[in-house]
Amino acid sequence: MNKYEELISEAQEKNITVVEKNFRSHAKGLCKGTKIGIRKDIPTQTEKSCVLAEEIGHYYTTYGNILDQKAVLDRKQELRARMWAYDKKIGLIGLVKAFEHGCRSKQDIIEYLDVTEEFLHDALEAYKNKYGNYVTVDNYVIYFEPALMIYVFNGDILPEETVIRLLNMEISKELCPAM
């Protein structure tokens, strides 16, 4: 079962109906009550799973019609649903697991986490906005600036080879071409 199918199954366990359909709008997904629609012509299962994660996030975190996005409250609800999706599909632990798995490039991380490049980029930006330049998780430190760097922290000064390895893992310029 792929990640998209897993999310559909999880939604069904919560009595959420997920259907793929053609939309008249440019939206990739919509959530209304316990029904979620996913744009039928999204080309990959990976992108569909990212869209579905956000729509499930809307189910859990938003209320009312927030399609307009002119009101501050609507934008906040949109951000809350996206953060739910980022945490569901990636999360700080997911970044650590990708590092432990040996992922050392943007493409490695995208494939390991089964997300789109845009979704990963947006998640890293959202995490940086939420946590600042770095955050600690268990014995790991995840830096978002000046580049995505993850290392194990055991309380000691980092040995030189660890610092060199960290510098070689600077992938944010690759992840965030606008930087």
N, C-alpha and C. Protein backbone atom coordinates (compact mmCIF):
# COMPACT_ATOMS: atom_id res chain seq x y z
N MET A 1 0.85 -1.18 0.00
CA MET A 1 0.00 0.00 0.00
C MET A 1 0.91 1.25 0.00
N ASN A 2 0.70 2.15 -0.96
CA ASN A 2 1.51 3.37 -1.01
C ASN A 2 0.97 4.41 0.00
N LYS A 3 1.72 5.52 0.15
CA LYS A 3 1.36 6.53 1.16
C LYS A 3 -0.01 7.15 0.90
N TYR A 4 -0.35 7.33 -0.36
CA TYR A 4 -1.67 7.89 -0.70
C TYR A 4 -2.77 6.94 -0.24
N GLU A 5 -2.61 5.66 -0.55
CA GLU A 5 -3.60 4.66 -0.14
C GLU A 5 -3.68 4.55 1.39
N GLU A 6 -2.52 4.68 2.06
CA GLU A 6 -2.52 4.65 3.53
C GLU A 6 -3.33 5.82 4.10
N LEU A 7 -3.16 7.01 3.51
CA LEU A 7 -3.93 8.17 3.98
C LEU A 7 -5.43 7.99 3.72
N ILE A 8 -5.77 7.42 2.57
CA ILE A 8 -7.19 7.16 2.28
C ILE A 8 -7.75 6.19 3.32
N SER A 9 -7.00 5.15 3.62
CA SER A 9 -7.45 4.17 4.61
C SER A 9 -7.61 4.81 5.98
N GLU A 10 -6.65 5.64 6.36
CA GLU A 10 -6.73 6.35 7.64
C GLU A 10 -7.96 7.27 7.68
N ALA A 11 -8.23 7.95 6.58
CA ALA A 11 -9.40 8.82 6.51
C ALA A 11 -10.68 8.00 6.65
N GLN A 12 -10.74 6.88 5.96
CA GLN A 12 -11.94 6.04 6.01
C GLN A 12 -12.20 5.52 7.43
N GLU A 13 -11.11 5.25 8.17
CA GLU A 13 -11.27 4.81 9.57
C GLU A 13 -11.94 5.89 10.42
N LYS A 14 -11.81 7.14 10.02
CA LYS A 14 -12.44 8.26 10.73
C LYS A 14 -13.76 8.67 10.07
N ASN A 15 -14.27 7.80 9.19
CA ASN A 15 -15.52 8.05 8.46
C ASN A 15 -15.45 9.28 7.56
N ILE A 16 -14.26 9.52 7.00
CA ILE A 16 -14.08 10.60 6.02
C ILE A 16 -14.10 9.94 4.64
N THR A 17 -14.92 10.45 3.76
CA THR A 17 -15.01 9.94 2.40
C THR A 17 -14.04 10.71 1.51
N VAL A 18 -13.20 9.98 0.78
CA VAL A 18 -12.25 10.61 -0.14
C VAL A 18 -12.61 10.17 -1.56
N VAL A 19 -12.83 11.16 -2.43
CA VAL A 19 -13.13 10.86 -3.83
C VAL A 19 -12.24 11.68 -4.74
N GLU A 20 -11.84 11.07 -5.84
CA GLU A 20 -11.12 11.81 -6.87
C GLU A 20 -12.14 12.28 -7.88
N LYS A 21 -12.04 13.57 -8.24
CA LYS A 21 -13.01 14.11 -9.18
C LYS A 21 -12.39 15.25 -9.99
N ASN A 22 -13.07 15.63 -11.04
CA ASN A 22 -12.66 16.78 -11.85
C ASN A 22 -13.21 18.03 -11.19
N PHE A 23 -12.37 19.03 -11.02
CA PHE A 23 -12.80 20.30 -10.43
C PHE A 23 -12.92 21.35 -11.52
N ARG A 24 -13.88 22.25 -11.36
CA ARG A 24 -13.99 23.39 -12.27
C ARG A 24 -12.97 24.45 -11.90
N SER A 25 -12.58 24.48 -10.64
CA SER A 25 -11.60 25.47 -10.17
C SER A 25 -10.18 24.92 -10.34
N HIS A 26 -9.23 25.72 -9.92
CA HIS A 26 -7.82 25.30 -9.97
C HIS A 26 -7.40 24.56 -8.71
N ALA A 27 -8.32 24.38 -7.77
CA ALA A 27 -7.99 23.72 -6.51
C ALA A 27 -7.53 22.28 -6.75
N LYS A 28 -6.59 21.84 -5.94
CA LYS A 28 -6.12 20.46 -6.02
C LYS A 28 -6.91 19.55 -5.08
N GLY A 29 -7.48 20.17 -4.05
CA GLY A 29 -8.26 19.40 -3.10
C GLY A 29 -9.23 20.31 -2.37
N LEU A 30 -10.30 19.73 -1.90
CA LEU A 30 -11.31 20.47 -1.14
C LEU A 30 -11.85 19.58 -0.04
N CYS A 31 -12.16 20.19 1.09
CA CYS A 31 -12.73 19.46 2.22
C CYS A 31 -14.01 20.16 2.64
N LYS A 32 -15.08 19.39 2.74
CA LYS A 32 -16.34 19.94 3.25
C LYS A 32 -16.95 18.87 4.15
N GLY A 33 -16.96 19.19 5.43
CA GLY A 33 -17.48 18.22 6.40
C GLY A 33 -16.63 16.96 6.41
N THR A 34 -17.29 15.83 6.19
CA THR A 34 -16.56 14.55 6.18
C THR A 34 -16.26 14.07 4.76
N LYS A 35 -16.31 14.98 3.80
CA LYS A 35 -16.01 14.63 2.41
C LYS A 35 -14.80 15.40 1.92
N ILE A 36 -13.88 14.68 1.31
CA ILE A 36 -12.68 15.29 0.73
C ILE A 36 -12.64 14.93 -0.74
N GLY A 37 -12.46 15.95 -1.57
CA GLY A 37 -12.29 15.74 -3.00
C GLY A 37 -10.86 16.02 -3.38
N ILE A 38 -10.28 15.13 -4.17
CA ILE A 38 -8.92 15.29 -4.69
C ILE A 38 -9.01 15.39 -6.20
N ARG A 39 -8.33 16.38 -6.75
CA ARG A 39 -8.33 16.58 -8.20
C ARG A 39 -7.86 15.29 -8.90
N LYS A 40 -8.68 14.81 -9.81
CA LYS A 40 -8.44 13.54 -10.48
C LYS A 40 -7.18 13.55 -11.36
N ASP A 41 -6.86 14.71 -11.96
CA ASP A 41 -5.76 14.74 -12.92
C ASP A 41 -4.40 15.10 -12.30
N ILE A 42 -4.27 15.03 -10.98
CA ILE A 42 -2.95 15.20 -10.37
C ILE A 42 -2.11 14.02 -10.84
N PRO A 43 -0.93 14.30 -11.40
CA PRO A 43 -0.19 13.26 -12.11
C PRO A 43 0.44 12.14 -11.27
N THR A 44 0.78 12.38 -10.00
CA THR A 44 1.48 11.35 -9.23
C THR A 44 0.77 11.03 -7.92
N GLN A 45 0.97 9.82 -7.46
CA GLN A 45 0.44 9.41 -6.16
C GLN A 45 1.10 10.23 -5.05
N THR A 46 2.36 10.58 -5.23
CA THR A 46 3.08 11.37 -4.24
C THR A 46 2.41 12.73 -4.06
N GLU A 47 2.12 13.42 -5.15
CA GLU A 47 1.47 14.72 -5.05
C GLU A 47 0.06 14.58 -4.48
N LYS A 48 -0.66 13.54 -4.90
CA LYS A 48 -2.00 13.31 -4.36
C LYS A 48 -1.94 13.11 -2.85
N SER A 49 -0.90 12.39 -2.37
CA SER A 49 -0.82 12.16 -0.92
C SER A 49 -0.53 13.46 -0.18
N CYS A 50 0.26 14.35 -0.76
CA CYS A 50 0.52 15.65 -0.14
C CYS A 50 -0.76 16.49 -0.07
N VAL A 51 -1.51 16.49 -1.15
CA VAL A 51 -2.79 17.22 -1.19
C VAL A 51 -3.77 16.62 -0.19
N LEU A 52 -3.86 15.30 -0.18
CA LEU A 52 -4.79 14.63 0.74
C LEU A 52 -4.41 14.91 2.20
N ALA A 53 -3.13 14.91 2.51
CA ALA A 53 -2.69 15.21 3.88
C ALA A 53 -3.17 16.60 4.29
N GLU A 54 -3.04 17.57 3.39
CA GLU A 54 -3.51 18.92 3.73
C GLU A 54 -5.02 18.96 3.91
N GLU A 55 -5.74 18.25 3.07
CA GLU A 55 -7.21 18.25 3.20
C GLU A 55 -7.66 17.56 4.47
N ILE A 56 -6.97 16.50 4.87
CA ILE A 56 -7.28 15.86 6.15
C ILE A 56 -6.95 16.85 7.28
N GLY A 57 -5.88 17.61 7.09
CA GLY A 57 -5.55 18.67 8.05
C GLY A 57 -6.68 19.68 8.17
N HIS A 58 -7.31 20.01 7.06
CA HIS A 58 -8.47 20.91 7.11
C HIS A 58 -9.61 20.27 7.89
N TYR A 59 -9.82 18.99 7.69
CA TYR A 59 -10.88 18.29 8.41
C TYR A 59 -10.67 18.43 9.92
N TYR A 60 -9.44 18.26 10.37
CA TYR A 60 -9.15 18.29 11.81
C TYR A 60 -9.00 19.70 12.39
N THR A 61 -8.61 20.68 11.57
CA THR A 61 -8.20 21.97 12.15
C THR A 61 -8.99 23.19 11.72
N THR A 62 -9.84 23.09 10.72
CA THR A 62 -10.52 24.30 10.24
C THR A 62 -12.04 24.15 10.31
N TYR A 63 -12.70 25.28 10.17
CA TYR A 63 -14.16 25.28 10.13
C TYR A 63 -14.61 26.38 9.19
N GLY A 64 -15.77 26.17 8.60
CA GLY A 64 -16.34 27.18 7.71
C GLY A 64 -15.65 27.22 6.35
N ASN A 65 -16.06 28.18 5.55
CA ASN A 65 -15.52 28.36 4.21
C ASN A 65 -14.32 29.31 4.30
N ILE A 66 -13.13 28.79 3.99
CA ILE A 66 -11.92 29.62 4.05
C ILE A 66 -11.29 29.79 2.67
N LEU A 67 -12.08 29.61 1.63
CA LEU A 67 -11.56 29.69 0.27
C LEU A 67 -11.07 31.09 -0.11
N ASP A 68 -11.67 32.12 0.45
CA ASP A 68 -11.35 33.50 0.08
C ASP A 68 -9.92 33.89 0.45
N GLN A 69 -9.47 33.57 1.62
CA GLN A 69 -8.12 33.85 2.13
C GLN A 69 -7.80 35.33 2.29
N LYS A 70 -8.81 36.21 2.19
CA LYS A 70 -8.58 37.64 2.45
C LYS A 70 -8.61 37.93 3.94
N ALA A 71 -9.39 37.18 4.68
CA ALA A 71 -9.50 37.38 6.12
C ALA A 71 -8.32 36.72 6.83
N VAL A 72 -7.79 37.39 7.83
CA VAL A 72 -6.64 36.88 8.58
C VAL A 72 -6.96 35.52 9.21
N LEU A 73 -8.15 35.38 9.77
CA LEU A 73 -8.53 34.12 10.40
C LEU A 73 -8.52 32.97 9.39
N ASP A 74 -8.96 33.23 8.17
CA ASP A 74 -8.95 32.20 7.13
C ASP A 74 -7.53 31.78 6.78
N ARG A 75 -6.63 32.76 6.69
CA ARG A 75 -5.22 32.45 6.40
C ARG A 75 -4.59 31.65 7.53
N LYS A 76 -4.95 31.97 8.76
CA LYS A 76 -4.43 31.23 9.91
C LYS A 76 -4.92 29.78 9.88
N GLN A 77 -6.17 29.60 9.52
CA GLN A 77 -6.70 28.24 9.43
C GLN A 77 -6.01 27.45 8.32
N GLU A 78 -5.73 28.12 7.22
CA GLU A 78 -5.02 27.47 6.11
C GLU A 78 -3.63 27.03 6.57
N LEU A 79 -2.94 27.90 7.26
CA LEU A 79 -1.60 27.58 7.77
C LEU A 79 -1.67 26.41 8.76
N ARG A 80 -2.67 26.41 9.62
CA ARG A 80 -2.82 25.33 10.60
C ARG A 80 -3.02 23.98 9.89
N ALA A 81 -3.82 23.95 8.84
CA ALA A 81 -4.04 22.71 8.09
C ALA A 81 -2.76 22.27 7.38
N ARG A 82 -2.02 23.23 6.83
CA ARG A 82 -0.76 22.88 6.17
C ARG A 82 0.26 22.34 7.17
N MET A 83 0.34 22.97 8.35
CA MET A 83 1.27 22.48 9.37
C MET A 83 0.90 21.05 9.79
N TRP A 84 -0.40 20.79 9.87
CA TRP A 84 -0.84 19.43 10.20
C TRP A 84 -0.32 18.46 9.13
N ALA A 85 -0.44 18.86 7.87
CA ALA A 85 0.02 18.01 6.76
C ALA A 85 1.54 17.84 6.78
N TYR A 86 2.27 18.93 7.02
CA TYR A 86 3.74 18.83 7.08
C TYR A 86 4.16 17.88 8.19
N ASP A 87 3.51 17.99 9.34
CA ASP A 87 3.85 17.11 10.46
C ASP A 87 3.47 15.66 10.16
N LYS A 88 2.39 15.48 9.46
CA LYS A 88 1.93 14.12 9.11
C LYS A 88 2.87 13.47 8.10
N LYS A 89 3.22 14.20 7.06
CA LYS A 89 4.03 13.62 5.98
C LYS A 89 5.54 13.67 6.26
N ILE A 90 5.99 14.68 7.02
CA ILE A 90 7.43 14.86 7.23
C ILE A 90 7.74 14.85 8.72
N GLY A 91 7.44 15.93 9.38
CA GLY A 91 7.72 16.05 10.81
C GLY A 91 9.21 16.14 11.11
N LEU A 92 9.53 16.65 12.27
CA LEU A 92 10.93 16.74 12.67
C LEU A 92 11.56 15.35 12.78
N ILE A 93 10.80 14.41 13.31
CA ILE A 93 11.30 13.04 13.42
C ILE A 93 11.54 12.44 12.03
N GLY A 94 10.70 12.79 11.07
CA GLY A 94 10.90 12.31 9.70
C GLY A 94 12.21 12.82 9.12
N LEU A 95 12.55 14.08 9.42
CA LEU A 95 13.84 14.62 8.96
C LEU A 95 14.99 13.86 9.61
N VAL A 96 14.87 13.57 10.90
CA VAL A 96 15.91 12.81 11.60
C VAL A 96 16.03 11.41 11.00
N LYS A 97 14.90 10.77 10.76
CA LYS A 97 14.92 9.41 10.18
C LYS A 97 15.55 9.42 8.79
N ALA A 98 15.27 10.46 8.02
CA ALA A 98 15.89 10.58 6.69
C ALA A 98 17.40 10.67 6.82
N PHE A 99 17.86 11.46 7.78
CA PHE A 99 19.29 11.60 8.05
C PHE A 99 19.89 10.25 8.46
N GLU A 100 19.22 9.57 9.40
CA GLU A 100 19.70 8.26 9.86
C GLU A 100 19.72 7.24 8.73
N HIS A 101 18.78 7.38 7.81
CA HIS A 101 18.70 6.46 6.66
C HIS A 101 19.82 6.70 5.66
N GLY A 102 20.48 7.83 5.77
CA GLY A 102 21.58 8.14 4.87
C GLY A 102 21.25 9.15 3.79
N CYS A 103 20.10 9.78 3.87
CA CYS A 103 19.73 10.79 2.88
C CYS A 103 20.67 11.98 3.01
N ARG A 104 21.28 12.38 1.90
CA ARG A 104 22.22 13.49 1.92
C ARG A 104 21.96 14.50 0.81
N SER A 105 20.87 14.32 0.08
CA SER A 105 20.52 15.29 -0.96
C SER A 105 19.01 15.53 -0.93
N LYS A 106 18.63 16.59 -1.60
CA LYS A 106 17.21 16.91 -1.70
C LYS A 106 16.44 15.73 -2.28
N GLN A 107 16.94 15.15 -3.34
CA GLN A 107 16.24 14.04 -3.99
C GLN A 107 16.13 12.84 -3.07
N ASP A 108 17.19 12.55 -2.31
CA ASP A 108 17.15 11.44 -1.35
C ASP A 108 16.03 11.65 -0.34
N ILE A 109 15.94 12.86 0.20
CA ILE A 109 14.94 13.17 1.22
C ILE A 109 13.53 13.09 0.63
N ILE A 110 13.34 13.64 -0.55
CA ILE A 110 12.04 13.61 -1.23
C ILE A 110 11.58 12.17 -1.43
N GLU A 111 12.49 11.33 -1.92
CA GLU A 111 12.13 9.93 -2.18
C GLU A 111 11.87 9.19 -0.87
N TYR A 112 12.71 9.40 0.12
CA TYR A 112 12.56 8.69 1.38
C TYR A 112 11.24 9.06 2.06
N LEU A 113 10.89 10.34 2.07
CA LEU A 113 9.67 10.80 2.74
C LEU A 113 8.43 10.70 1.85
N ASP A 114 8.62 10.44 0.56
CA ASP A 114 7.53 10.35 -0.41
C ASP A 114 6.70 11.63 -0.43
N VAL A 115 7.41 12.74 -0.67
CA VAL A 115 6.78 14.05 -0.80
C VAL A 115 7.28 14.72 -2.07
N THR A 116 6.58 15.76 -2.48
CA THR A 116 7.05 16.52 -3.64
C THR A 116 8.12 17.52 -3.20
N GLU A 117 8.88 18.01 -4.15
CA GLU A 117 9.91 19.01 -3.86
C GLU A 117 9.28 20.26 -3.26
N GLU A 118 8.15 20.69 -3.83
CA GLU A 118 7.47 21.88 -3.32
C GLU A 118 6.99 21.68 -1.88
N PHE A 119 6.45 20.51 -1.60
CA PHE A 119 5.95 20.21 -0.25
C PHE A 119 7.10 20.24 0.76
N LEU A 120 8.23 19.63 0.41
CA LEU A 120 9.39 19.64 1.31
C LEU A 120 9.89 21.06 1.53
N HIS A 121 10.02 21.82 0.46
CA HIS A 121 10.47 23.21 0.56
C HIS A 121 9.55 24.01 1.48
N ASP A 122 8.25 23.90 1.25
CA ASP A 122 7.27 24.65 2.05
C ASP A 122 7.30 24.21 3.51
N ALA A 123 7.46 22.91 3.74
CA ALA A 123 7.53 22.40 5.12
C ALA A 123 8.76 22.95 5.84
N LEU A 124 9.91 22.95 5.17
CA LEU A 124 11.13 23.46 5.80
C LEU A 124 11.00 24.96 6.11
N GLU A 125 10.37 25.70 5.22
CA GLU A 125 10.13 27.12 5.48
C GLU A 125 9.18 27.30 6.67
N ALA A 126 8.14 26.48 6.73
CA ALA A 126 7.18 26.57 7.84
C ALA A 126 7.86 26.20 9.16
N TYR A 127 8.70 25.18 9.15
CA TYR A 127 9.41 24.79 10.37
C TYR A 127 10.37 25.89 10.81
N LYS A 128 11.04 26.51 9.84
CA LYS A 128 11.95 27.61 10.18
C LYS A 128 11.17 28.77 10.79
N ASN A 129 10.01 29.07 10.24
CA ASN A 129 9.17 30.14 10.80
C ASN A 129 8.66 29.79 12.19
N LYS A 130 8.37 28.53 12.42
CA LYS A 130 7.84 28.09 13.71
C LYS A 130 8.93 27.98 14.78
N TYR A 131 10.07 27.37 14.42
CA TYR A 131 11.10 27.06 15.42
C TYR A 131 12.30 28.01 15.41
N GLY A 132 12.43 28.82 14.37
CA GLY A 132 13.62 29.65 14.25
C GLY A 132 14.69 28.93 13.45
N ASN A 133 15.94 29.31 13.64
CA ASN A 133 17.03 28.76 12.83
C ASN A 133 17.35 27.31 13.14
N TYR A 134 17.00 26.84 14.35
CA TYR A 134 17.26 25.44 14.69
C TYR A 134 16.28 24.96 15.76
N VAL A 135 16.22 23.65 15.91
CA VAL A 135 15.39 23.03 16.93
C VAL A 135 16.08 21.74 17.37
N THR A 136 15.89 21.36 18.62
CA THR A 136 16.44 20.10 19.09
C THR A 136 15.31 19.08 19.21
N VAL A 137 15.62 17.85 18.83
CA VAL A 137 14.68 16.74 18.93
C VAL A 137 15.48 15.56 19.48
N ASP A 138 15.12 15.12 20.67
CA ASP A 138 15.87 14.07 21.35
C ASP A 138 17.34 14.48 21.38
N ASN A 139 18.22 13.66 20.81
CA ASN A 139 19.65 13.98 20.80
C ASN A 139 20.10 14.58 19.48
N TYR A 140 19.20 15.14 18.73
CA TYR A 140 19.51 15.70 17.42
C TYR A 140 19.28 17.21 17.44
N VAL A 141 20.08 17.90 16.66
CA VAL A 141 19.85 19.32 16.42
C VAL A 141 19.60 19.45 14.92
N ILE A 142 18.49 20.08 14.58
CA ILE A 142 18.14 20.32 13.17
C ILE A 142 18.29 21.81 12.94
N TYR A 143 19.22 22.17 12.07
CA TYR A 143 19.40 23.56 11.68
C TYR A 143 18.66 23.80 10.37
N PHE A 144 17.94 24.93 10.32
CA PHE A 144 17.27 25.34 9.08
C PHE A 144 18.06 26.43 8.38
N GLU A 145 18.91 27.13 9.12
CA GLU A 145 19.76 28.19 8.58
C GLU A 145 21.16 27.99 9.09
N PRO A 146 22.17 28.23 8.34
CA PRO A 146 22.17 28.76 6.97
C PRO A 146 21.79 27.70 5.94
N ALA A 147 21.70 26.44 6.39
CA ALA A 147 21.34 25.35 5.49
C ALA A 147 20.71 24.26 6.34
N LEU A 148 20.01 23.32 5.71
CA LEU A 148 19.48 22.19 6.45
C LEU A 148 20.64 21.32 6.90
N MET A 149 20.81 21.23 8.21
CA MET A 149 21.86 20.39 8.79
C MET A 149 21.26 19.65 9.97
N ILE A 150 21.61 18.38 10.08
CA ILE A 150 21.13 17.56 11.18
C ILE A 150 22.33 16.85 11.77
N TYR A 151 22.44 16.91 13.09
CA TYR A 151 23.52 16.15 13.70
C TYR A 151 23.12 15.62 15.07
N VAL A 152 23.81 14.58 15.47
CA VAL A 152 23.59 13.98 16.78
C VAL A 152 24.38 14.80 17.78
N PHE A 153 23.73 15.14 18.89
CA PHE A 153 24.40 15.91 19.93
C PHE A 153 24.49 15.06 21.18
N ASN A 154 25.72 14.82 21.63
CA ASN A 154 25.90 14.02 22.84
C ASN A 154 26.46 14.85 23.98
N GLY A 155 26.43 16.17 23.85
CA GLY A 155 26.90 17.05 24.90
C GLY A 155 28.35 17.44 24.77
N ASP A 156 29.08 16.76 23.91
CA ASP A 156 30.49 17.07 23.71
C ASP A 156 30.65 18.09 22.59
N ILE A 157 31.84 18.66 22.51
CA ILE A 157 32.17 19.50 21.37
C ILE A 157 32.25 18.60 20.15
N LEU A 158 31.72 19.07 19.05
CA LEU A 158 31.68 18.23 17.85
C LEU A 158 33.09 17.96 17.32
N PRO A 159 33.40 16.70 17.02
CA PRO A 159 34.69 16.41 16.40
C PRO A 159 34.76 17.03 15.01
N GLU A 160 35.98 17.31 14.56
CA GLU A 160 36.18 17.98 13.28
C GLU A 160 35.51 17.25 12.12
N GLU A 161 35.60 15.90 12.08
CA GLU A 161 35.00 15.16 10.96
C GLU A 161 33.48 15.30 10.94
N THR A 162 32.85 15.48 12.11
CA THR A 162 31.40 15.70 12.14
C THR A 162 31.06 17.06 11.55
N VAL A 163 31.83 18.07 11.90
CA VAL A 163 31.61 19.40 11.35
C VAL A 163 31.77 19.38 9.84
N ILE A 164 32.79 18.71 9.35
CA ILE A 164 33.01 18.62 7.90
C ILE A 164 31.82 17.91 7.25
N ARG A 165 31.35 16.82 7.87
CA ARG A 165 30.20 16.10 7.32
C ARG A 165 28.97 17.00 7.29
N LEU A 166 28.77 17.79 8.33
CA LEU A 166 27.64 18.71 8.38
C LEU A 166 27.73 19.74 7.27
N LEU A 167 28.90 20.28 7.06
CA LEU A 167 29.06 21.28 6.00
C LEU A 167 28.79 20.67 4.64
N ASN A 168 29.14 19.41 4.47
CA ASN A 168 28.88 18.74 3.19
C ASN A 168 27.40 18.44 2.99
N MET A 169 26.62 18.50 4.06
CA MET A 169 25.19 18.21 3.96
C MET A 169 24.38 19.46 3.70
N GLU A 170 24.99 20.59 3.50
CA GLU A 170 24.26 21.83 3.26
C GLU A 170 23.49 21.72 1.96
N ILE A 171 22.21 21.47 2.08
CA ILE A 171 21.39 21.27 0.88
C ILE A 171 20.32 22.33 0.72
N SER A 172 20.25 23.30 1.62
CA SER A 172 19.14 24.24 1.53
C SER A 172 19.20 25.06 0.26
N LYS A 173 20.40 25.35 -0.25
CA LYS A 173 20.47 26.10 -1.50
C LYS A 173 19.86 25.27 -2.62
N GLU A 174 20.05 23.96 -2.54
CA GLU A 174 19.43 23.07 -3.51
C GLU A 174 17.92 22.99 -3.25
N LEU A 175 17.54 22.92 -1.96
CA LEU A 175 16.12 22.84 -1.63
C LEU A 175 15.41 24.16 -1.87
N CYS A 176 16.10 25.25 -1.61
CA CYS A 176 15.49 26.57 -1.67
C CYS A 176 16.26 27.44 -2.67
N PRO A 177 16.08 27.24 -3.97
CA PRO A 177 16.85 27.97 -4.96
C PRO A 177 16.76 29.49 -4.82
N ALA A 178 15.70 29.99 -4.22
CA ALA A 178 15.54 31.44 -4.09
C ALA A 178 16.49 32.02 -3.04
N MET A 179 17.11 31.18 -2.21
CA MET A 179 17.98 31.68 -1.14
C MET A 179 19.33 32.07 -1.70
